[in-house]
C-alpha cells in the first residue's frame, strides 16, 4: 500500500515539474506586450535587428573588402553624369561583382546631397504575394554597421495594402544589396524597405500617391530591379533597350509587359514621375556578360535617375507689408496631413473618430484651421474654424470629418473616393479689421459680415478669380447677401493670412 502511495506521489511530482518547465519555456519565448495606457509614447519596444541574408555570397561579409569594393565602384563614375539631386534612382540588385559598377552610377548621384532617408522598393524572389510588405525590424545589419528603420515605416503600416512581414523580408537580397551603398554615400542614413508584390491598377496609383506624400528634399526613392534574365547578349540588349525606352518615356502600361523582375514597383514609380513631371535619364546600362565575358546567358542591369523639383508641399501666402511666419517644418506638415487622411479613412469606413497619440506641443496650440478636400482638381469639401477655438490637432480632425460629410454644398464623401482626394490644410493667423483695398492688394484671406450674415474665403481663392470684384461679389453671394454688399457701409471686412500645405 505504501509503495503504491509513493508511486502516485512520484507521478504527481513529475507532472508538476514538467508543467513548471513548460510554462517557463512558454513565457520566456512570448513576445513582450506593450501597454496601451502609456501616454508618454516612450513605450519599451523590443529591438529587432534583421541580420543580412546574403553577406558572404552577394557581397563580401568583410567590412574592409566591402568598403573598398564600393569605393572603387564609385570612383569610376564620372562626376558629371547628371546634375542635381535625383528624386528616384533605379539600381540593379545582383551580386556586387556583377552589377555593382552599374549601381554605382546611380548611388554616385547622392554624394554630397542633403538626403537623409531612403525608401527602398523592390521585388520578392521567394514569395508571390500581392501587396506591399514592410520590415518588422527596428534596424538592419550589414557588415558596415547598423541602419535605423525610419519612423515612416510605422506610419505606412497603417495604410491600405501595406503589411508587416519579416518572413518575406528575411531571405530577400533585392533590398539588402542596396544598403551598403547607401551607408557609404549618406552618413547616418535611415531606410524604409518595402517589398512590392503584385498590384492592380488602382493599387499602383494608390502606392504612387502615398510615395508622393513622403518624398521631400531629404528623401530619395531607390528602386531595386534587374532587367532581362538569361538570354544571349544580343537578345538581352534588345529586351533591355525596350524596357529602358519605356522607363525613359514614363510608360507605366507597357513596362508591365517587359522582362524585368519588379514590374509593379517600376510601374508605380513611373506613375509617380508622371504626376511630378520628373525627367528620367539613363545613367548606365550593362550586362553580366560585359563583366564575365560569357555572352550566352546574361542578366541586364540598368541605372536610371529621375530629376526635377519636389512637388510643392506647402504654399506660403505673402503680404507686401510682411511675410507670414511659417512655424511648421515639412515633417510636421506631413504629420498633420497624414493625421487628416487617417482620420478620414477611419471615420468613413468605421464611423469612429481617430484618436492619435501626439507629443508635439505645437499641435496643442489653439489655431484657426480649415481643411479642404479636392477631387480631380475640383473642390469636394471645405470646412474650418476662423478663430482659434480648439487645439490644432483637434481642429484638423474635426474639420477633416466635417469637410467630408458636413459641407452643405456637396453630398458626403464616400470611402471609395479617398484614393482620388487630395487634402489641403490652412492654418490661420488671427483675423483683424481691414479694408477691401488692402485685402485685394495683398491677396489676403477675407471675412465679410453684415448683420447676422457672413462668409469667408481663404487666401488661395484669389488664384481662382479674375480680380477683386469677382472675389468680393462671390463672397457676398456665399454670405447670402446682394452682389454689391461689400459696398454697403454696414458691411465689415476682416483679413487673415494662412500657412497652406497639401498632399
Protein backbone atom coordinates (compact mmCIF):
# COMPACT_ATOMS: atom_id res chain seq x y z
CA UNK A 1 0.00 0.00 0.00
CA UNK A 2 2.86 2.33 0.91
CA UNK A 3 4.66 1.54 -2.35
CA UNK A 4 1.51 2.32 -4.30
CA UNK A 5 1.13 5.64 -2.47
CA UNK A 6 4.75 6.56 -3.16
CA UNK A 7 4.33 5.69 -6.83
CA UNK A 8 1.36 8.07 -7.23
CA UNK A 9 3.23 10.78 -5.31
CA UNK A 10 6.21 10.48 -7.65
CA UNK A 11 3.94 10.65 -10.70
CA UNK A 12 2.29 13.85 -9.38
CA UNK A 13 5.68 15.42 -8.64
CA UNK A 14 6.93 14.54 -12.13
CA UNK A 15 3.85 16.13 -13.72
CA UNK A 16 4.30 19.26 -11.63
CA UNK A 17 7.95 19.58 -12.65
CA UNK A 18 7.02 19.14 -16.30
CA UNK A 19 4.26 21.74 -16.03
CA UNK A 20 6.58 24.30 -14.43
CA UNK A 21 9.24 23.69 -17.07
CA UNK A 22 6.72 24.02 -19.87
CA UNK A 23 5.32 27.28 -18.54
CA UNK A 24 8.81 28.66 -18.11
CA UNK A 25 9.69 27.94 -21.73
CA UNK A 26 6.34 29.31 -22.93
CA UNK A 27 6.60 32.65 -21.16
CA UNK A 28 10.27 33.02 -21.97
CA UNK A 29 9.57 32.95 -25.69
CA UNK A 30 6.39 35.02 -25.63
CA UNK A 31 6.80 38.47 -27.21
CA UNK A 32 6.71 41.48 -24.95
CA UNK A 33 3.28 43.07 -24.60
CA UNK A 34 3.15 46.86 -24.88
CA UNK A 35 0.89 48.79 -22.57
CA UNK A 36 -1.91 50.63 -24.35
CA UNK A 37 -2.16 53.07 -21.46
CA UNK A 38 1.33 54.52 -21.78
CA UNK A 39 0.56 58.10 -22.71
CA UNK A 40 4.08 59.48 -22.84
CA UNK A 41 4.75 57.49 -26.03
CA UNK A 42 8.01 56.16 -24.59
CA UNK A 43 6.91 52.55 -24.55
CA UNK A 44 9.60 49.95 -24.18
CA UNK A 45 9.89 48.21 -27.52
CA UNK A 46 11.85 45.07 -28.19
CA UNK A 47 14.66 45.79 -30.63
CA UNK A 48 14.53 43.55 -33.70
CA UNK A 49 17.66 43.55 -35.84
CA UNK A 50 17.43 41.97 -39.26
CA UNK A 51 20.60 40.05 -39.98
CA UNK A 52 21.99 40.08 -43.53
CA UNK A 53 20.78 37.23 -45.70
CA UNK A 54 23.40 37.36 -48.46
CA UNK A 55 26.57 38.78 -46.87
CA UNK A 56 29.36 36.48 -47.95
CA UNK A 57 27.61 35.47 -51.16
CA UNK A 58 26.17 38.51 -52.99
CA UNK A 59 28.78 40.75 -51.38
CA UNK A 60 31.72 40.41 -49.02
CA UNK A 61 31.00 39.90 -45.34
CA UNK A 62 34.33 41.56 -44.52
CA UNK A 63 33.94 45.26 -43.71
CA UNK A 64 37.24 46.27 -45.29
CA UNK A 65 36.74 44.27 -48.51
CA UNK A 66 33.16 45.50 -48.91
CA UNK A 67 34.04 49.13 -48.24
CA UNK A 68 36.98 49.00 -50.64
CA UNK A 69 34.88 47.44 -53.42
CA UNK A 70 32.14 50.07 -53.14
CA UNK A 71 34.68 52.91 -53.04
CA UNK A 72 36.32 51.58 -56.21
CA UNK A 73 32.97 51.36 -57.99
CA UNK A 74 32.07 54.94 -57.04
CA UNK A 75 35.49 56.27 -58.04
CA UNK A 76 34.99 55.02 -61.61
CA UNK A 77 31.78 57.04 -62.12
CA UNK A 78 32.29 60.43 -63.80
CA UNK A 79 31.05 63.19 -61.51
CA UNK A 80 29.31 64.94 -64.42
CA UNK A 81 26.96 62.00 -65.11
CA UNK A 82 23.99 64.13 -64.05
CA UNK A 83 23.28 67.40 -62.30
CA UNK A 84 21.07 67.96 -59.29
CA UNK A 85 19.83 65.57 -56.65
CA UNK A 86 17.69 62.75 -58.06
CA UNK A 87 14.19 62.17 -56.74
CA UNK A 88 14.26 58.50 -57.76
CA UNK A 89 17.07 56.09 -58.63
CA UNK A 90 16.73 52.75 -60.39
CA UNK A 91 19.52 50.32 -59.45
CA UNK A 92 20.26 46.63 -60.09
CA UNK A 93 20.49 44.02 -57.34
CA UNK A 94 22.71 41.16 -58.47
CA UNK A 95 25.93 40.20 -56.74
CA UNK A 96 28.11 43.29 -56.43
CA UNK A 97 30.87 41.81 -58.60
CA UNK A 98 28.36 41.68 -61.47
CA UNK A 99 26.05 44.67 -61.01
CA UNK A 100 27.90 46.85 -58.51
CA UNK A 101 29.52 49.10 -61.09
CA UNK A 102 26.19 49.88 -62.74
CA UNK A 103 24.59 50.52 -59.34
CA UNK A 104 27.41 52.93 -58.53
CA UNK A 105 26.30 55.19 -61.40
CA UNK A 106 23.04 55.75 -59.53
CA UNK A 107 24.39 55.97 -56.00
CA UNK A 108 27.14 58.37 -57.08
CA UNK A 109 24.39 60.95 -57.65
CA UNK A 110 23.75 61.11 -53.89
CA UNK A 111 27.29 62.03 -52.88
CA UNK A 112 27.28 65.48 -51.26
CA UNK A 113 23.47 65.71 -51.27
CA UNK A 114 21.18 66.59 -48.35
CA UNK A 115 19.47 63.20 -48.48
CA UNK A 116 18.92 61.66 -45.04
CA UNK A 117 16.36 58.95 -45.75
CA UNK A 118 15.89 56.31 -48.45
CA UNK A 119 12.70 54.45 -49.30
CA UNK A 120 13.88 51.23 -50.97
CA UNK A 121 11.42 49.21 -53.03
CA UNK A 122 11.89 46.03 -54.99
CA UNK A 123 10.57 42.52 -55.68
CA UNK A 124 10.48 39.32 -53.69
CA UNK A 125 12.36 36.39 -55.21
CA UNK A 126 10.90 33.92 -52.71
CA UNK A 127 7.19 34.74 -52.30
CA UNK A 128 4.47 35.51 -54.86
CA UNK A 129 2.21 37.63 -52.68
CA UNK A 130 0.09 40.65 -53.55
CA UNK A 131 0.55 43.87 -51.63
CA UNK A 132 3.29 45.98 -50.06
CA UNK A 133 5.44 44.46 -47.34
CA UNK A 134 7.27 46.45 -44.68
CA UNK A 135 10.03 45.18 -42.44
CA UNK A 136 9.16 44.41 -38.84
CA UNK A 137 12.71 45.14 -37.71
CA UNK A 138 13.87 48.31 -36.00
CA UNK A 139 17.35 48.12 -37.57
CA UNK A 140 19.08 46.31 -40.40
CA UNK A 141 22.58 44.91 -40.00
CA UNK A 142 25.23 44.91 -42.74
CA UNK A 143 29.00 44.42 -42.49
CA UNK A 144 29.25 48.24 -42.49
CA UNK A 145 27.11 48.56 -39.34
CA UNK A 146 23.51 49.03 -38.23
CA UNK A 147 20.98 51.08 -40.21
CA UNK A 148 17.89 52.51 -38.50
CA UNK A 149 14.45 51.83 -39.92
CA UNK A 150 12.84 55.27 -40.25
CA UNK A 151 9.71 56.19 -38.30
CA UNK A 152 7.90 56.42 -41.63
CA UNK A 153 7.87 52.61 -41.61
CA UNK A 154 5.42 52.67 -38.70
CA UNK A 155 3.31 55.36 -40.38
CA UNK A 156 2.97 53.31 -43.55
CA UNK A 157 1.97 50.19 -41.63
CA UNK A 158 -1.46 51.71 -41.13
CA UNK A 159 -2.07 52.34 -44.84
CA UNK A 160 -4.16 50.24 -47.21
CA UNK A 161 -2.34 47.32 -48.91
CA UNK A 162 0.63 47.58 -46.51
CA UNK A 163 1.62 44.58 -44.39
CA UNK A 164 4.49 43.92 -41.99
CA UNK A 165 6.33 40.65 -42.68
CA UNK A 166 9.81 39.64 -41.61
CA UNK A 167 9.11 36.25 -43.18
CA UNK A 168 9.12 37.87 -46.62
CA UNK A 169 11.97 40.28 -45.89
CA UNK A 170 14.45 37.99 -44.17
CA UNK A 171 15.61 35.86 -47.15
CA UNK A 172 15.36 38.65 -49.74
CA UNK A 173 18.50 40.12 -51.32
CA UNK A 174 16.97 42.73 -53.64
CA UNK A 175 16.69 45.46 -50.99
CA UNK A 176 19.57 44.36 -48.79
CA UNK A 177 22.13 44.64 -51.59
CA UNK A 178 21.47 48.40 -51.85
CA UNK A 179 22.01 49.21 -48.17
CA UNK A 180 25.85 49.12 -48.07
CA UNK A 181 25.92 51.59 -50.98
CA UNK A 182 23.56 53.90 -49.06
CA UNK A 183 25.70 53.60 -45.92
CA UNK A 184 28.71 54.65 -47.97
CA UNK A 185 27.26 57.71 -49.70
CA UNK A 186 24.94 59.01 -46.93
CA UNK A 187 26.02 59.47 -43.34
CA UNK A 188 23.56 58.02 -40.78
CA UNK A 189 21.02 57.16 -43.46
CA UNK A 190 17.62 55.86 -42.37
CA UNK A 191 15.74 53.42 -44.58
CA UNK A 192 12.20 52.25 -45.30
CA UNK A 193 12.42 48.87 -47.09
CA UNK A 194 9.28 47.88 -48.99
CA UNK A 195 8.88 44.65 -50.93
CA UNK A 196 6.38 45.19 -53.74
CA UNK A 197 4.17 42.30 -54.69
CA UNK A 198 1.57 42.17 -57.44
CA UNK A 199 -0.54 45.35 -57.60
CA UNK A 200 -3.56 46.13 -59.73
CA UNK A 201 -4.00 49.50 -61.44
CA UNK A 202 -5.74 51.21 -58.53
CA UNK A 203 -3.21 49.83 -56.06
CA UNK A 204 -0.31 51.10 -58.17
CA UNK A 205 -1.88 54.55 -58.37
CA UNK A 206 -2.50 54.49 -54.65
CA UNK A 207 1.09 53.44 -53.97
CA UNK A 208 2.37 56.26 -56.18
CA UNK A 209 0.18 58.73 -54.30
CA UNK A 210 1.48 57.55 -50.93
CA UNK A 211 5.10 57.74 -52.08
CA UNK A 212 4.43 61.25 -53.34
CA UNK A 213 3.45 62.36 -49.83
CA UNK A 214 6.76 61.40 -48.30
CA UNK A 215 9.33 62.27 -50.97
CA UNK A 216 10.80 65.56 -49.84
CA UNK A 217 14.18 67.22 -50.35
CA UNK A 218 15.79 64.88 -47.82
CA UNK A 219 14.25 61.63 -49.04
CA UNK A 220 15.16 59.57 -52.10
CA UNK A 221 13.32 56.61 -53.60
CA UNK A 222 15.55 53.66 -54.54
CA UNK A 223 14.00 51.15 -56.97
CA UNK A 224 15.82 47.82 -56.99
CA UNK A 225 15.28 46.00 -60.29
CA UNK A 226 17.17 43.78 -62.71
CA UNK A 227 16.32 43.75 -66.41
CA UNK A 228 16.30 40.72 -68.74
CA UNK A 229 17.39 37.32 -67.43
CA UNK A 230 19.40 34.53 -69.04
CA UNK A 231 19.38 35.34 -72.73
CA UNK A 232 22.22 35.75 -75.18
CA UNK A 233 23.92 39.12 -75.14
CA UNK A 234 22.22 40.14 -78.38
CA UNK A 235 18.74 39.16 -77.21
CA UNK A 236 19.32 40.77 -73.80
CA UNK A 237 20.29 44.07 -75.38
CA UNK A 238 17.10 44.08 -77.44
CA UNK A 239 14.92 43.34 -74.40
CA UNK A 240 16.75 45.81 -72.16
CA UNK A 241 16.61 48.60 -74.71
CA UNK A 242 12.84 48.18 -74.93
CA UNK A 243 12.49 48.31 -71.12
CA UNK A 244 14.75 51.36 -70.91
CA UNK A 245 12.74 53.05 -73.67
CA UNK A 246 9.53 52.56 -71.68
CA UNK A 247 11.16 53.77 -68.45
CA UNK A 248 12.52 56.93 -70.04
CA UNK A 249 9.10 57.61 -71.59
CA UNK A 250 7.41 57.06 -68.20
CA UNK A 251 5.28 54.39 -69.87
CA UNK A 252 3.69 52.72 -66.87
CA UNK A 253 1.50 50.48 -69.03
CA UNK A 254 3.91 48.81 -71.43
CA UNK A 255 6.59 48.38 -68.74
CA UNK A 256 4.34 45.69 -67.25
CA UNK A 257 4.90 43.55 -70.34
CA UNK A 258 8.68 43.95 -70.34
CA UNK A 259 11.14 41.44 -68.96
CA UNK A 260 12.06 42.99 -65.63
CA UNK A 261 11.78 41.40 -62.21
CA UNK A 262 9.97 44.27 -60.46
CA UNK A 263 7.24 45.32 -62.92
CA UNK A 264 4.68 46.54 -60.34
CA UNK A 265 7.27 48.55 -58.45
CA UNK A 266 8.57 50.22 -61.60
CA UNK A 267 5.07 50.89 -62.97
CA UNK A 268 4.12 52.62 -59.71
CA UNK A 269 7.27 54.72 -59.84
CA UNK A 270 6.62 55.78 -63.43
CA UNK A 271 3.15 56.96 -62.36
CA UNK A 272 4.80 58.94 -59.56
CA UNK A 273 7.26 60.53 -62.00
CA UNK A 274 4.43 61.47 -64.38
CA UNK A 275 2.49 63.14 -61.58
CA UNK A 276 5.51 65.32 -60.79
CA UNK A 277 6.76 65.86 -64.35
CA UNK A 278 10.16 64.42 -63.40
CA UNK A 279 12.55 63.65 -66.23
CA UNK A 280 14.23 60.24 -66.46
CA UNK A 281 17.87 59.94 -67.54
CA UNK A 282 19.77 56.75 -68.36
CA UNK A 283 22.98 56.76 -66.33
CA UNK A 284 24.39 53.36 -67.27
CA UNK A 285 23.44 50.04 -68.85
CA UNK A 286 25.43 46.81 -68.93
CA UNK A 287 25.00 43.06 -68.68
CA UNK A 288 26.71 40.36 -66.66
CA UNK A 289 28.31 39.30 -69.92
CA UNK A 290 30.24 42.59 -70.01
CA UNK A 291 31.86 41.53 -66.72
CA UNK A 292 32.30 37.76 -67.13
CA UNK A 293 32.84 37.52 -70.88
CA UNK A 294 30.15 34.84 -71.06
CA UNK A 295 27.58 36.21 -73.52
CA UNK A 296 25.47 33.08 -73.90
CA UNK A 297 23.36 33.62 -70.76
CA UNK A 298 23.40 37.11 -69.31
CA UNK A 299 21.38 39.34 -66.97
CA UNK A 300 20.74 43.01 -67.76
CA UNK A 301 21.41 45.89 -65.37
CA UNK A 302 20.30 49.49 -65.65
CA UNK A 303 20.89 52.70 -63.70
CA UNK A 304 18.35 55.48 -64.20
CA UNK A 305 17.84 58.76 -62.37
CA UNK A 306 14.66 60.84 -62.22
CA UNK A 307 15.22 64.57 -61.79
CA UNK A 308 13.05 67.59 -61.11
CA UNK A 309 11.57 69.69 -58.36
CA UNK A 310 9.71 68.14 -55.46
CA UNK A 311 6.03 68.98 -55.79
CA UNK A 312 5.11 71.93 -53.63
CA UNK A 313 4.40 70.54 -50.15
CA UNK A 314 3.43 73.95 -48.86
CA UNK A 315 2.17 77.30 -50.11
CA UNK A 316 3.29 80.41 -48.29
CA UNK A 317 0.93 83.40 -48.52
CA UNK A 318 2.91 86.64 -48.75
CA UNK A 319 1.89 90.11 -47.58
CA UNK A 320 3.60 93.15 -49.04
CA UNK A 321 3.90 94.55 -45.52
CA UNK A 322 5.45 91.40 -44.03
CA UNK A 323 5.92 87.68 -44.65
CA UNK A 324 3.85 85.30 -42.57
CA UNK A 325 5.98 83.28 -40.19
CA UNK A 326 5.93 79.62 -41.21
CA UNK A 327 6.13 77.90 -37.85
CA UNK A 328 5.92 74.32 -39.06
CA UNK A 329 8.57 72.04 -40.51
CA UNK A 330 7.97 69.84 -43.57
CA UNK A 331 7.90 66.82 -41.23
CA UNK A 332 5.24 68.46 -39.04
CA UNK A 333 3.13 69.36 -42.06
CA UNK A 334 3.44 65.81 -43.36
CA UNK A 335 2.33 64.51 -39.97
CA UNK A 336 -0.73 66.78 -39.94
CA UNK A 337 -1.70 65.74 -43.48
CA UNK A 338 -1.33 62.09 -42.54
CA UNK A 339 -3.42 62.76 -39.42
CA UNK A 340 -6.18 64.20 -41.62
CA UNK A 341 -6.05 61.27 -44.05
CA UNK A 342 -6.04 58.61 -41.34
CA UNK A 343 -8.97 60.42 -39.70
CA UNK A 344 -10.94 60.31 -42.95
CA UNK A 345 -10.11 56.68 -43.66
CA UNK A 346 -11.15 55.55 -40.19
CA UNK A 347 -14.29 57.70 -39.96
CA UNK A 348 -15.64 56.91 -43.43
CA UNK A 349 -15.00 53.18 -43.03
CA UNK A 350 -15.97 52.64 -39.38
CA UNK A 351 -17.74 55.79 -38.21
CA UNK A 352 -15.17 56.13 -35.42
CA UNK A 353 -13.08 59.24 -34.78
CA UNK A 354 -9.31 58.71 -34.87
CA UNK A 355 -7.58 59.22 -31.50
CA UNK A 356 -3.85 59.65 -32.20
CA UNK A 357 -1.06 59.69 -29.64
CA UNK A 358 0.68 63.04 -30.15
CA UNK A 359 3.53 64.52 -28.13
CA UNK A 360 4.41 67.57 -30.22
CA UNK A 361 3.33 70.52 -28.07
CA UNK A 362 2.91 72.77 -31.12
CA UNK A 363 -0.06 70.63 -32.11
CA UNK A 364 -1.86 71.54 -28.88
CA UNK A 365 -1.76 75.29 -29.52
CA UNK A 366 -5.17 76.72 -30.42
CA UNK A 367 -5.29 77.79 -34.06
CA UNK A 368 -7.83 78.72 -36.67
CA UNK A 369 -7.80 75.86 -39.19
CA UNK A 370 -9.52 74.94 -42.45
CA UNK A 371 -9.36 71.52 -44.12
CA UNK A 372 -10.00 71.45 -47.87
CA UNK A 373 -10.70 68.33 -49.93
CA UNK A 374 -10.10 68.37 -53.68
CA UNK A 375 -11.04 65.59 -56.09
CA UNK A 376 -9.57 65.63 -59.59
CA UNK A 377 -8.58 69.27 -59.03
CA UNK A 378 -12.16 70.20 -58.12
CA UNK A 379 -13.37 71.29 -54.68
CA UNK A 380 -15.04 68.41 -52.83
CA UNK A 381 -15.48 69.99 -49.40
CA UNK A 382 -14.05 72.74 -47.18
CA UNK A 383 -14.85 73.42 -43.52
CA UNK A 384 -12.93 75.22 -40.80
CA UNK A 385 -12.66 77.48 -37.80
CA UNK A 386 -11.60 81.07 -38.41
CA UNK A 387 -10.95 81.73 -34.73
CA UNK A 388 -8.51 79.66 -32.65
CA UNK A 389 -11.18 77.86 -30.63
CA UNK A 390 -9.55 74.41 -30.47
CA UNK A 391 -6.06 72.91 -30.32
CA UNK A 392 -4.56 72.42 -33.79
CA UNK A 393 -4.75 68.62 -33.63
CA UNK A 394 -8.45 68.66 -32.68
CA UNK A 395 -9.23 71.28 -35.30
CA UNK A 396 -7.62 69.19 -38.05
CA UNK A 397 -9.52 66.06 -37.01
CA UNK A 398 -12.89 67.84 -36.62
CA UNK A 399 -12.63 69.79 -39.85
CA UNK A 400 -11.38 66.84 -41.91
CA UNK A 401 -14.54 64.95 -40.96
CA UNK A 402 -16.78 67.99 -41.44
CA UNK A 403 -15.28 68.77 -44.86
CA UNK A 404 -16.07 65.20 -45.92
CA UNK A 405 -19.61 64.84 -44.59
CA UNK A 406 -20.98 68.22 -43.50
CA UNK A 407 -20.25 70.71 -46.27
CA UNK A 408 -23.79 71.64 -47.39
CA UNK A 409 -22.60 72.32 -50.93
CA UNK A 410 -21.72 68.68 -51.57
CA UNK A 411 -23.03 65.22 -50.88
CA UNK A 412 -21.00 63.32 -48.24
CA UNK A 413 -17.71 61.81 -49.38
CA UNK A 414 -17.72 58.04 -49.81
CA UNK A 415 -14.80 55.92 -48.61
CA UNK A 416 -14.24 54.72 -52.18
CA UNK A 417 -13.42 58.30 -53.20
CA UNK A 418 -10.48 58.68 -50.82
CA UNK A 419 -7.92 57.41 -53.30
CA UNK A 420 -8.79 60.32 -55.60
CA UNK A 421 -8.97 63.02 -52.92
CA UNK A 422 -6.13 65.35 -52.03
CA UNK A 423 -6.10 67.07 -48.66
CA UNK A 424 -5.05 70.66 -48.01
CA UNK A 425 -4.69 72.28 -44.59
CA UNK A 426 -4.72 76.03 -43.91
CA UNK A 427 -3.51 77.27 -40.52
CA UNK A 428 -4.71 80.82 -39.99
CA UNK A 429 -3.42 83.93 -38.28
CA UNK A 430 -5.75 85.89 -36.03
CA UNK A 431 -8.27 87.92 -38.08
CA UNK A 432 -8.10 91.71 -37.87
CA UNK A 433 -10.22 94.56 -39.21
CA UNK A 434 -9.07 95.61 -42.68
CA UNK A 435 -10.08 97.35 -45.90
CA UNK A 436 -11.16 95.87 -49.19
CA UNK A 437 -8.35 97.74 -50.91
CA UNK A 438 -5.63 96.23 -48.71
CA UNK A 439 -7.11 92.73 -48.88
CA UNK A 440 -7.22 92.98 -52.68
CA UNK A 441 -3.72 94.39 -52.98
CA UNK A 442 -2.13 91.73 -50.80
CA UNK A 443 -4.39 88.79 -51.73
CA UNK A 444 -5.33 88.07 -48.12
CA UNK A 445 -7.99 85.81 -46.70
CA UNK A 446 -11.20 87.76 -46.11
CA UNK A 447 -14.15 87.69 -43.71
CA UNK A 448 -17.25 89.61 -44.73
CA UNK A 449 -20.07 90.32 -42.22
CA UNK A 450 -23.33 92.24 -42.46
CA UNK A 451 -25.86 91.81 -39.69
CA UNK A 452 -26.33 88.14 -38.91
CA UNK A 453 -24.85 87.01 -42.23
CA UNK A 454 -21.23 86.42 -43.04
CA UNK A 455 -18.77 84.32 -45.06
CA UNK A 456 -15.06 83.84 -45.58
CA UNK A 457 -12.69 83.00 -48.41
CA UNK A 458 -9.23 81.57 -47.84
CA UNK A 459 -6.28 83.40 -49.45
CA UNK A 460 -5.88 80.69 -52.09
CA UNK A 461 -9.30 81.59 -53.57
CA UNK A 462 -7.56 84.55 -55.23
CA UNK A 463 -5.96 82.03 -57.60
CA UNK A 464 -9.39 81.05 -58.94
CA UNK A 465 -10.94 84.51 -59.52
CA UNK A 466 -10.41 87.20 -62.14
CA UNK A 467 -9.97 90.07 -59.69
CA UNK A 468 -11.29 91.90 -56.61
CA UNK A 469 -14.81 92.43 -57.99
CA UNK A 470 -15.15 88.73 -58.74
CA UNK A 471 -13.69 87.79 -55.34
CA UNK A 472 -15.95 90.03 -53.23
CA UNK A 473 -19.10 89.57 -55.33
CA UNK A 474 -18.78 85.83 -54.96
CA UNK A 475 -18.12 86.24 -51.24
CA UNK A 476 -21.30 88.33 -50.91
CA UNK A 477 -23.31 85.58 -52.62
CA UNK A 478 -21.73 82.99 -50.34
CA UNK A 479 -22.94 85.02 -47.34
CA UNK A 480 -26.47 85.14 -48.78
CA UNK A 481 -26.25 88.87 -49.46
CA UNK A 482 -26.58 91.04 -52.57
CA UNK A 483 -23.87 91.20 -55.21
CA UNK A 484 -22.62 94.62 -54.06
CA UNK A 485 -22.88 94.01 -50.32
CA UNK A 486 -19.18 94.84 -49.93
CA UNK A 487 -20.02 98.48 -50.83
CA UNK A 488 -22.59 98.72 -48.02
CA UNK A 489 -21.22 100.91 -45.16
CA UNK A 490 -22.70 98.39 -42.70
CA UNK A 491 -20.54 95.58 -44.11
CA UNK A 492 -17.47 94.82 -42.03
CA UNK A 493 -14.40 93.16 -43.53
CA UNK A 494 -11.50 91.48 -41.77
CA UNK A 495 -8.40 89.77 -43.10
CA UNK A 496 -6.08 86.94 -42.17
CA UNK A 497 -3.15 85.07 -43.63
CA UNK A 498 -2.59 81.34 -43.81
CA UNK A 499 0.12 78.71 -43.85
CA UNK A 500 -1.19 76.44 -46.61
CA UNK A 501 0.14 72.97 -47.42
CA UNK A 502 -1.29 69.90 -49.07
CA UNK A 503 -0.70 66.48 -50.50
